[in-house]
Amino acid sequence: MEKKQVLEALQKLTKDAKERKFAQSVDLIVNLKNIDMKKADQQVDFYALLHHTVGKKLSVCALIGGELASEAKNTCDESIGEREFDTYAKDKKASKKLAAKHQWFIAQADIMPKVAQAFGRVLGSRGKMPNPKAGCIVPPKTSLKPLYDKLQKTVRIKTKNQPVLHMKVGTIGQKEDEIADNIMTVYDQIIHHLPQEENNIRSVFLKLTMSKPVKL
């Protein structure tokens, strides 16, 4: 895949896009082949670090104890102290609303069992439980700003029931060069997480939230 090819596909998408009342996301779709979804070692699930954001601020919520209360309040978009956990555990509606509100959740390591008990069912089903692979389980005393900034440029790449990867790589209105760089970065990391690398790629498409896909 060459950057020129990616830029041409992006330009075609934006040229043909109908005007919407919201900023459409730019999505990358990678169809895989010769992948046995029943084998755990052939399933794809990792976090890709991009060079740029995806064009929209990603909201981060901290689930913390007293040690991180001040740090989380000053850094994250919302923080939930462990004294509030029971309220969310009993109120599923409130938990669902919280899950929908934030893209990322981080948790204080020493109270992770309480986090799992209170939020596991709701966050787990949405793939939003704090994950150590993304650095989202943190010590009781740490600076959260570096993690917050990193999460703004982090994308989870995961196969579900089908050998297809679908992820947001940018937003209409963002610099095309940044989106193209994100696409190239993600694609390169995907290849290196496949058993046969590019031989496991069937096809690659770009699309907007509400557009037909364009093949790369």
Foldseek 3Di string as FASTA:
>chain_A
DDLVVLLVQVVVQVVPDDDDPDWWFKKKKFFWPPADPVDPLQWDKAKFFAPDFQADQFAEEEEEEPLCVVLCVVAGPYYHYLVCLVVQQVPVVVLLVVLVVGDEYAYEQVCLVSCCNRNVVNCVVVVHRQDVRLPRHHHSDDHCNVSSVRVSRMWIWGDDPHRMTMTTQHIPVPDSSRSSRSVVRVLVVVQVSHPNRPNGTDWMWMHIPPDDTDTD
